Amino acid sequence: MMGYDSLFFKGCDDSGIIAIALSQERIILTRDTGIAKRRLIKRGRLTAVLLTSDKPLLQMRQVIDELNLKINFKPFSICLECNRALKEKSREQVKERVPSYVLKTQNQYMECPNCQRIYWKGTHWHAMKKKLAVFFED
């Protein structure tokens, strides 16, 4: 939702997570103190943020602050399903793929080139934007 390339690890062991993070030049966000204590992280070869809260909004605040994410903030530019950059589409290009009400009320559309999911600035978008605004107000 914030526009950053991300990957969720589920069922992977620590070594697998670290190997993927190294090969793809990723930053690890974790609550696992064991990962945070790894030599690769302590020596700076791999970046990790040890999340201190179990509350998602506090975790977001910590990540934004520690990684200074305000610099390249591009919300809603990546597919929420498959993590690919979204492409603009015209109303004509999506008219057969969105509900008629959406077609009547929306002017801007984005599509994921991988999964073909269509996005528009509806109520869900406005709700997410409102949540993000808390983190990026000056």
N, C-alpha and C. Protein backbone atom coordinates (compact mmCIF):
# COMPACT_ATOMS: atom_id res chain seq x y z
N MET A 1 0.82 -1.18 0.00
CA MET A 1 0.00 0.00 0.00
C MET A 1 0.87 1.26 0.00
N MET A 2 2.03 1.19 0.62
CA MET A 2 2.91 2.35 0.68
C MET A 2 3.77 2.51 -0.56
N GLY A 3 3.76 1.53 -1.44
CA GLY A 3 4.51 1.64 -2.68
C GLY A 3 5.93 1.09 -2.62
N TYR A 4 6.21 0.28 -1.63
CA TYR A 4 7.54 -0.31 -1.50
C TYR A 4 7.50 -1.79 -1.84
N ASP A 5 8.47 -2.23 -2.59
CA ASP A 5 8.61 -3.64 -2.93
C ASP A 5 8.77 -4.42 -1.64
N SER A 6 7.95 -5.43 -1.45
CA SER A 6 8.03 -6.21 -0.21
C SER A 6 7.73 -7.68 -0.49
N LEU A 7 8.16 -8.50 0.43
CA LEU A 7 7.97 -9.95 0.32
C LEU A 7 7.67 -10.47 1.71
N PHE A 8 6.60 -11.23 1.84
CA PHE A 8 6.21 -11.79 3.13
C PHE A 8 6.73 -13.22 3.21
N PHE A 9 7.49 -13.50 4.24
CA PHE A 9 8.03 -14.85 4.44
C PHE A 9 7.13 -15.62 5.39
N LYS A 10 6.66 -16.75 4.95
CA LYS A 10 5.82 -17.58 5.81
C LYS A 10 6.36 -19.00 5.73
N GLY A 11 6.68 -19.54 6.89
CA GLY A 11 7.16 -20.91 6.93
C GLY A 11 8.60 -21.10 6.51
N CYS A 12 9.33 -20.01 6.37
CA CYS A 12 10.74 -20.07 5.98
C CYS A 12 11.60 -20.07 7.25
N ASP A 13 12.70 -20.81 7.23
CA ASP A 13 13.59 -20.75 8.39
C ASP A 13 14.47 -19.49 8.27
N ASP A 14 15.14 -19.14 9.36
CA ASP A 14 15.95 -17.93 9.39
C ASP A 14 17.00 -17.90 8.28
N SER A 15 17.67 -19.02 8.06
CA SER A 15 18.71 -19.06 7.03
C SER A 15 18.13 -18.81 5.64
N GLY A 16 16.94 -19.35 5.39
CA GLY A 16 16.28 -19.13 4.11
C GLY A 16 15.91 -17.67 3.91
N ILE A 17 15.41 -17.05 4.95
CA ILE A 17 15.04 -15.63 4.89
C ILE A 17 16.28 -14.79 4.61
N ILE A 18 17.35 -15.07 5.31
CA ILE A 18 18.59 -14.31 5.13
C ILE A 18 19.15 -14.51 3.73
N ALA A 19 19.12 -15.73 3.22
CA ALA A 19 19.64 -16.00 1.87
C ALA A 19 18.85 -15.21 0.82
N ILE A 20 17.53 -15.20 0.95
CA ILE A 20 16.70 -14.46 -0.01
C ILE A 20 16.95 -12.96 0.12
N ALA A 21 17.00 -12.47 1.35
CA ALA A 21 17.23 -11.05 1.58
C ALA A 21 18.57 -10.61 0.99
N LEU A 22 19.60 -11.42 1.14
CA LEU A 22 20.91 -11.10 0.57
C LEU A 22 20.87 -11.11 -0.95
N SER A 23 20.30 -12.15 -1.53
CA SER A 23 20.30 -12.27 -2.99
C SER A 23 19.43 -11.22 -3.67
N GLN A 24 18.38 -10.76 -2.99
CA GLN A 24 17.47 -9.77 -3.58
C GLN A 24 17.67 -8.36 -3.02
N GLU A 25 18.70 -8.21 -2.19
CA GLU A 25 19.02 -6.93 -1.56
C GLU A 25 17.80 -6.34 -0.84
N ARG A 26 17.21 -7.16 0.03
CA ARG A 26 16.04 -6.76 0.80
C ARG A 26 16.43 -6.39 2.22
N ILE A 27 15.56 -5.65 2.86
CA ILE A 27 15.68 -5.31 4.27
C ILE A 27 14.72 -6.23 5.02
N ILE A 28 15.19 -6.81 6.10
CA ILE A 28 14.34 -7.71 6.88
C ILE A 28 13.65 -6.92 7.98
N LEU A 29 12.33 -7.06 8.06
CA LEU A 29 11.54 -6.51 9.16
C LEU A 29 11.12 -7.71 10.00
N THR A 30 11.49 -7.71 11.26
CA THR A 30 11.24 -8.90 12.08
C THR A 30 11.02 -8.56 13.54
N ARG A 31 10.37 -9.47 14.23
CA ARG A 31 10.28 -9.40 15.70
C ARG A 31 11.17 -10.49 16.30
N ASP A 32 11.87 -11.21 15.46
CA ASP A 32 12.73 -12.32 15.87
C ASP A 32 14.11 -11.78 16.26
N THR A 33 14.39 -11.79 17.55
CA THR A 33 15.68 -11.27 18.02
C THR A 33 16.85 -12.12 17.52
N GLY A 34 16.61 -13.39 17.24
CA GLY A 34 17.66 -14.26 16.72
C GLY A 34 18.18 -13.79 15.38
N ILE A 35 17.27 -13.41 14.50
CA ILE A 35 17.70 -12.90 13.19
C ILE A 35 18.47 -11.59 13.37
N ALA A 36 17.96 -10.72 14.21
CA ALA A 36 18.60 -9.42 14.42
C ALA A 36 20.01 -9.54 14.98
N LYS A 37 20.31 -10.65 15.65
CA LYS A 37 21.64 -10.85 16.24
C LYS A 37 22.63 -11.52 15.29
N ARG A 38 22.19 -11.88 14.10
CA ARG A 38 23.07 -12.55 13.14
C ARG A 38 24.26 -11.66 12.77
N ARG A 39 25.41 -12.30 12.53
CA ARG A 39 26.64 -11.57 12.19
C ARG A 39 26.48 -10.68 10.97
N LEU A 40 25.80 -11.17 9.93
CA LEU A 40 25.61 -10.39 8.71
C LEU A 40 24.91 -9.07 8.98
N ILE A 41 24.02 -9.08 9.91
CA ILE A 41 23.27 -7.88 10.25
C ILE A 41 24.10 -6.98 11.16
N LYS A 42 24.73 -7.56 12.16
CA LYS A 42 25.55 -6.77 13.09
C LYS A 42 26.71 -6.09 12.37
N ARG A 43 27.24 -6.73 11.34
CA ARG A 43 28.38 -6.16 10.59
C ARG A 43 27.92 -5.24 9.46
N GLY A 44 26.63 -5.12 9.25
CA GLY A 44 26.11 -4.18 8.26
C GLY A 44 26.00 -4.71 6.84
N ARG A 45 26.25 -5.99 6.64
CA ARG A 45 26.13 -6.55 5.29
C ARG A 45 24.66 -6.69 4.87
N LEU A 46 23.80 -6.83 5.85
CA LEU A 46 22.37 -6.98 5.63
C LEU A 46 21.65 -6.09 6.65
N THR A 47 20.63 -5.38 6.19
CA THR A 47 19.88 -4.50 7.08
C THR A 47 18.65 -5.21 7.61
N ALA A 48 18.41 -5.03 8.89
CA ALA A 48 17.21 -5.57 9.52
C ALA A 48 16.68 -4.54 10.52
N VAL A 49 15.37 -4.50 10.62
CA VAL A 49 14.71 -3.67 11.62
C VAL A 49 14.04 -4.62 12.59
N LEU A 50 14.45 -4.56 13.84
CA LEU A 50 13.84 -5.37 14.88
C LEU A 50 12.64 -4.61 15.42
N LEU A 51 11.46 -5.07 15.06
CA LEU A 51 10.23 -4.39 15.46
C LEU A 51 10.01 -4.56 16.96
N THR A 52 9.71 -3.47 17.62
CA THR A 52 9.59 -3.50 19.08
C THR A 52 8.16 -3.62 19.57
N SER A 53 7.20 -3.49 18.68
CA SER A 53 5.79 -3.57 19.07
C SER A 53 5.10 -4.69 18.30
N ASP A 54 4.00 -5.17 18.85
CA ASP A 54 3.20 -6.13 18.11
C ASP A 54 1.98 -5.45 17.48
N LYS A 55 1.89 -4.13 17.61
CA LYS A 55 0.79 -3.36 17.03
C LYS A 55 1.20 -2.85 15.65
N PRO A 56 0.43 -3.19 14.60
CA PRO A 56 0.80 -2.80 13.22
C PRO A 56 1.06 -1.31 13.01
N LEU A 57 0.26 -0.44 13.59
CA LEU A 57 0.48 0.99 13.37
C LEU A 57 1.78 1.47 14.01
N LEU A 58 2.11 0.94 15.17
CA LEU A 58 3.39 1.28 15.80
C LEU A 58 4.56 0.68 15.03
N GLN A 59 4.37 -0.50 14.47
CA GLN A 59 5.40 -1.10 13.63
C GLN A 59 5.66 -0.24 12.39
N MET A 60 4.57 0.23 11.76
CA MET A 60 4.73 1.09 10.59
C MET A 60 5.49 2.36 10.95
N ARG A 61 5.15 2.97 12.06
CA ARG A 61 5.84 4.19 12.50
C ARG A 61 7.34 3.91 12.67
N GLN A 62 7.67 2.80 13.31
CA GLN A 62 9.08 2.45 13.53
C GLN A 62 9.81 2.26 12.21
N VAL A 63 9.22 1.52 11.30
CA VAL A 63 9.86 1.25 10.00
C VAL A 63 10.04 2.55 9.21
N ILE A 64 9.02 3.38 9.17
CA ILE A 64 9.10 4.65 8.45
C ILE A 64 10.22 5.51 9.03
N ASP A 65 10.29 5.59 10.35
CA ASP A 65 11.31 6.41 10.99
C ASP A 65 12.71 5.84 10.81
N GLU A 66 12.89 4.54 11.07
CA GLU A 66 14.22 3.95 11.01
C GLU A 66 14.79 3.89 9.59
N LEU A 67 13.92 3.70 8.61
CA LEU A 67 14.40 3.59 7.23
C LEU A 67 14.21 4.88 6.44
N ASN A 68 13.74 5.93 7.12
CA ASN A 68 13.52 7.23 6.50
C ASN A 68 12.71 7.10 5.20
N LEU A 69 11.58 6.47 5.29
CA LEU A 69 10.78 6.16 4.11
C LEU A 69 10.03 7.35 3.52
N LYS A 70 10.08 8.48 4.17
CA LYS A 70 9.39 9.65 3.62
C LYS A 70 10.04 10.14 2.33
N ILE A 71 11.27 9.75 2.09
CA ILE A 71 12.01 10.24 0.92
C ILE A 71 11.39 9.76 -0.40
N ASN A 72 11.14 8.48 -0.54
CA ASN A 72 10.65 7.91 -1.80
C ASN A 72 9.23 7.36 -1.69
N PHE A 73 8.41 8.01 -0.94
CA PHE A 73 7.06 7.54 -0.68
C PHE A 73 6.19 7.66 -1.93
N LYS A 74 5.71 6.51 -2.44
CA LYS A 74 4.85 6.47 -3.63
C LYS A 74 3.68 5.53 -3.34
N PRO A 75 2.70 5.98 -2.57
CA PRO A 75 1.61 5.09 -2.18
C PRO A 75 0.79 4.59 -3.37
N PHE A 76 0.28 3.38 -3.22
CA PHE A 76 -0.63 2.78 -4.19
C PHE A 76 -0.02 2.66 -5.60
N SER A 77 1.26 2.42 -5.68
CA SER A 77 1.92 2.27 -6.97
C SER A 77 2.30 0.82 -7.27
N ILE A 78 2.09 -0.06 -6.30
CA ILE A 78 2.45 -1.48 -6.44
C ILE A 78 1.22 -2.32 -6.12
N CYS A 79 1.06 -3.41 -6.86
CA CYS A 79 -0.05 -4.33 -6.64
C CYS A 79 0.00 -4.92 -5.23
N LEU A 80 -1.13 -4.89 -4.55
CA LEU A 80 -1.21 -5.44 -3.20
C LEU A 80 -1.16 -6.96 -3.20
N GLU A 81 -1.45 -7.57 -4.33
CA GLU A 81 -1.46 -9.03 -4.43
C GLU A 81 -0.11 -9.61 -4.82
N CYS A 82 0.52 -9.04 -5.86
CA CYS A 82 1.74 -9.68 -6.36
C CYS A 82 2.96 -8.77 -6.42
N ASN A 83 2.83 -7.54 -5.91
CA ASN A 83 4.00 -6.70 -5.70
C ASN A 83 4.60 -6.13 -6.98
N ARG A 84 3.86 -6.04 -8.04
CA ARG A 84 4.36 -5.47 -9.31
C ARG A 84 3.92 -4.01 -9.44
N ALA A 85 4.72 -3.23 -10.15
CA ALA A 85 4.37 -1.83 -10.40
C ALA A 85 3.10 -1.75 -11.23
N LEU A 86 2.18 -0.87 -10.82
CA LEU A 86 0.91 -0.72 -11.52
C LEU A 86 1.06 0.18 -12.74
N LYS A 87 0.21 -0.05 -13.74
CA LYS A 87 0.21 0.73 -14.98
C LYS A 87 -1.13 1.42 -15.14
N GLU A 88 -1.11 2.66 -15.60
CA GLU A 88 -2.36 3.39 -15.83
C GLU A 88 -3.14 2.76 -16.96
N LYS A 89 -4.46 2.75 -16.81
CA LYS A 89 -5.36 2.23 -17.84
C LYS A 89 -6.50 3.22 -18.03
N SER A 90 -7.04 3.27 -19.21
CA SER A 90 -8.16 4.16 -19.49
C SER A 90 -9.46 3.48 -19.11
N ARG A 91 -10.49 4.28 -19.01
CA ARG A 91 -11.83 3.76 -18.72
C ARG A 91 -12.21 2.74 -19.80
N GLU A 92 -11.92 3.05 -21.03
CA GLU A 92 -12.24 2.16 -22.15
C GLU A 92 -11.54 0.79 -21.99
N GLN A 93 -10.31 0.81 -21.53
CA GLN A 93 -9.54 -0.43 -21.39
C GLN A 93 -10.06 -1.34 -20.27
N VAL A 94 -10.75 -0.77 -19.29
CA VAL A 94 -11.20 -1.58 -18.15
C VAL A 94 -12.72 -1.75 -18.09
N LYS A 95 -13.44 -1.19 -19.03
CA LYS A 95 -14.91 -1.13 -18.93
C LYS A 95 -15.58 -2.49 -18.78
N GLU A 96 -15.00 -3.54 -19.31
CA GLU A 96 -15.58 -4.88 -19.20
C GLU A 96 -15.13 -5.61 -17.93
N ARG A 97 -14.26 -4.97 -17.16
CA ARG A 97 -13.65 -5.66 -16.03
C ARG A 97 -13.92 -5.03 -14.68
N VAL A 98 -14.68 -3.96 -14.65
CA VAL A 98 -15.04 -3.33 -13.38
C VAL A 98 -16.56 -3.24 -13.27
N PRO A 99 -17.08 -3.17 -12.06
CA PRO A 99 -18.54 -3.02 -11.89
C PRO A 99 -19.04 -1.75 -12.57
N SER A 100 -20.26 -1.77 -13.05
CA SER A 100 -20.82 -0.62 -13.78
C SER A 100 -20.82 0.64 -12.91
N TYR A 101 -21.11 0.51 -11.63
CA TYR A 101 -21.10 1.67 -10.74
C TYR A 101 -19.70 2.30 -10.70
N VAL A 102 -18.69 1.48 -10.65
CA VAL A 102 -17.31 1.98 -10.63
C VAL A 102 -17.01 2.71 -11.94
N LEU A 103 -17.43 2.14 -13.04
CA LEU A 103 -17.20 2.76 -14.34
C LEU A 103 -17.87 4.14 -14.42
N LYS A 104 -19.03 4.27 -13.80
CA LYS A 104 -19.77 5.54 -13.82
C LYS A 104 -19.17 6.58 -12.88
N THR A 105 -18.52 6.14 -11.82
CA THR A 105 -18.08 7.09 -10.78
C THR A 105 -16.58 7.34 -10.74
N GLN A 106 -15.80 6.55 -11.44
CA GLN A 106 -14.34 6.69 -11.37
C GLN A 106 -13.76 7.07 -12.73
N ASN A 107 -12.67 7.84 -12.69
CA ASN A 107 -12.00 8.26 -13.92
C ASN A 107 -10.61 7.69 -14.08
N GLN A 108 -9.97 7.33 -12.99
CA GLN A 108 -8.60 6.84 -13.04
C GLN A 108 -8.56 5.37 -12.65
N TYR A 109 -7.78 4.60 -13.41
CA TYR A 109 -7.64 3.17 -13.15
C TYR A 109 -6.18 2.78 -13.29
N MET A 110 -5.80 1.79 -12.49
CA MET A 110 -4.46 1.21 -12.56
C MET A 110 -4.63 -0.30 -12.68
N GLU A 111 -3.70 -0.93 -13.38
CA GLU A 111 -3.77 -2.38 -13.54
C GLU A 111 -2.42 -2.99 -13.24
N CYS A 112 -2.45 -4.15 -12.62
CA CYS A 112 -1.22 -4.91 -12.41
C CYS A 112 -0.93 -5.69 -13.69
N PRO A 113 0.25 -5.52 -14.26
CA PRO A 113 0.57 -6.24 -15.49
C PRO A 113 0.76 -7.75 -15.28
N ASN A 114 0.91 -8.15 -14.03
CA ASN A 114 1.12 -9.57 -13.75
C ASN A 114 -0.19 -10.31 -13.49
N CYS A 115 -0.97 -9.84 -12.52
CA CYS A 115 -2.21 -10.55 -12.15
C CYS A 115 -3.46 -9.93 -12.75
N GLN A 116 -3.32 -8.81 -13.44
CA GLN A 116 -4.40 -8.08 -14.10
C GLN A 116 -5.46 -7.52 -13.14
N ARG A 117 -5.14 -7.41 -11.87
CA ARG A 117 -6.08 -6.81 -10.92
C ARG A 117 -6.20 -5.32 -11.25
N ILE A 118 -7.43 -4.80 -11.19
CA ILE A 118 -7.69 -3.40 -11.47
C ILE A 118 -7.90 -2.65 -10.15
N TYR A 119 -7.30 -1.46 -10.08
CA TYR A 119 -7.43 -0.60 -8.90
C TYR A 119 -8.03 0.73 -9.32
N TRP A 120 -8.80 1.35 -8.40
CA TRP A 120 -9.35 2.68 -8.61
C TRP A 120 -9.48 3.34 -7.24
N LYS A 121 -9.75 4.64 -7.24
CA LYS A 121 -9.78 5.42 -6.00
C LYS A 121 -11.17 5.39 -5.37
N GLY A 122 -11.57 4.23 -4.94
CA GLY A 122 -12.87 4.07 -4.29
C GLY A 122 -12.76 4.22 -2.78
N THR A 123 -13.75 3.72 -2.07
CA THR A 123 -13.80 3.90 -0.61
C THR A 123 -12.64 3.21 0.10
N HIS A 124 -12.23 2.03 -0.40
CA HIS A 124 -11.11 1.32 0.21
C HIS A 124 -9.83 2.14 0.07
N TRP A 125 -9.62 2.73 -1.09
CA TRP A 125 -8.44 3.56 -1.36
C TRP A 125 -8.43 4.76 -0.41
N HIS A 126 -9.59 5.41 -0.27
CA HIS A 126 -9.68 6.58 0.61
C HIS A 126 -9.40 6.22 2.07
N ALA A 127 -9.88 5.06 2.50
CA ALA A 127 -9.63 4.61 3.88
C ALA A 127 -8.15 4.35 4.11
N MET A 128 -7.49 3.71 3.15
CA MET A 128 -6.05 3.44 3.29
C MET A 128 -5.25 4.74 3.25
N LYS A 129 -5.64 5.66 2.37
CA LYS A 129 -4.95 6.95 2.28
C LYS A 129 -5.04 7.70 3.60
N LYS A 130 -6.20 7.64 4.23
CA LYS A 130 -6.39 8.31 5.52
C LYS A 130 -5.47 7.72 6.59
N LYS A 131 -5.34 6.39 6.60
CA LYS A 131 -4.44 5.74 7.56
C LYS A 131 -2.99 6.15 7.31
N LEU A 132 -2.57 6.21 6.05
CA LEU A 132 -1.20 6.58 5.72
C LEU A 132 -0.90 8.03 6.03
N ALA A 133 -1.89 8.90 5.88
CA ALA A 133 -1.68 10.33 6.10
C ALA A 133 -1.14 10.62 7.50
N VAL A 134 -1.52 9.83 8.46
CA VAL A 134 -1.04 10.00 9.83
C VAL A 134 0.48 9.92 9.89
N PHE A 135 1.07 9.09 9.05
CA PHE A 135 2.52 8.90 9.09
C PHE A 135 3.28 9.92 8.28
N PHE A 136 2.61 10.60 7.36
CA PHE A 136 3.33 11.47 6.45
C PHE A 136 2.92 12.94 6.53
N GLU A 137 2.23 13.31 7.61
CA GLU A 137 1.90 14.70 7.83
C GLU A 137 3.16 15.41 8.31
N ASP A 138 3.31 16.65 7.90
CA ASP A 138 4.49 17.42 8.34
C ASP A 138 4.18 18.20 9.59
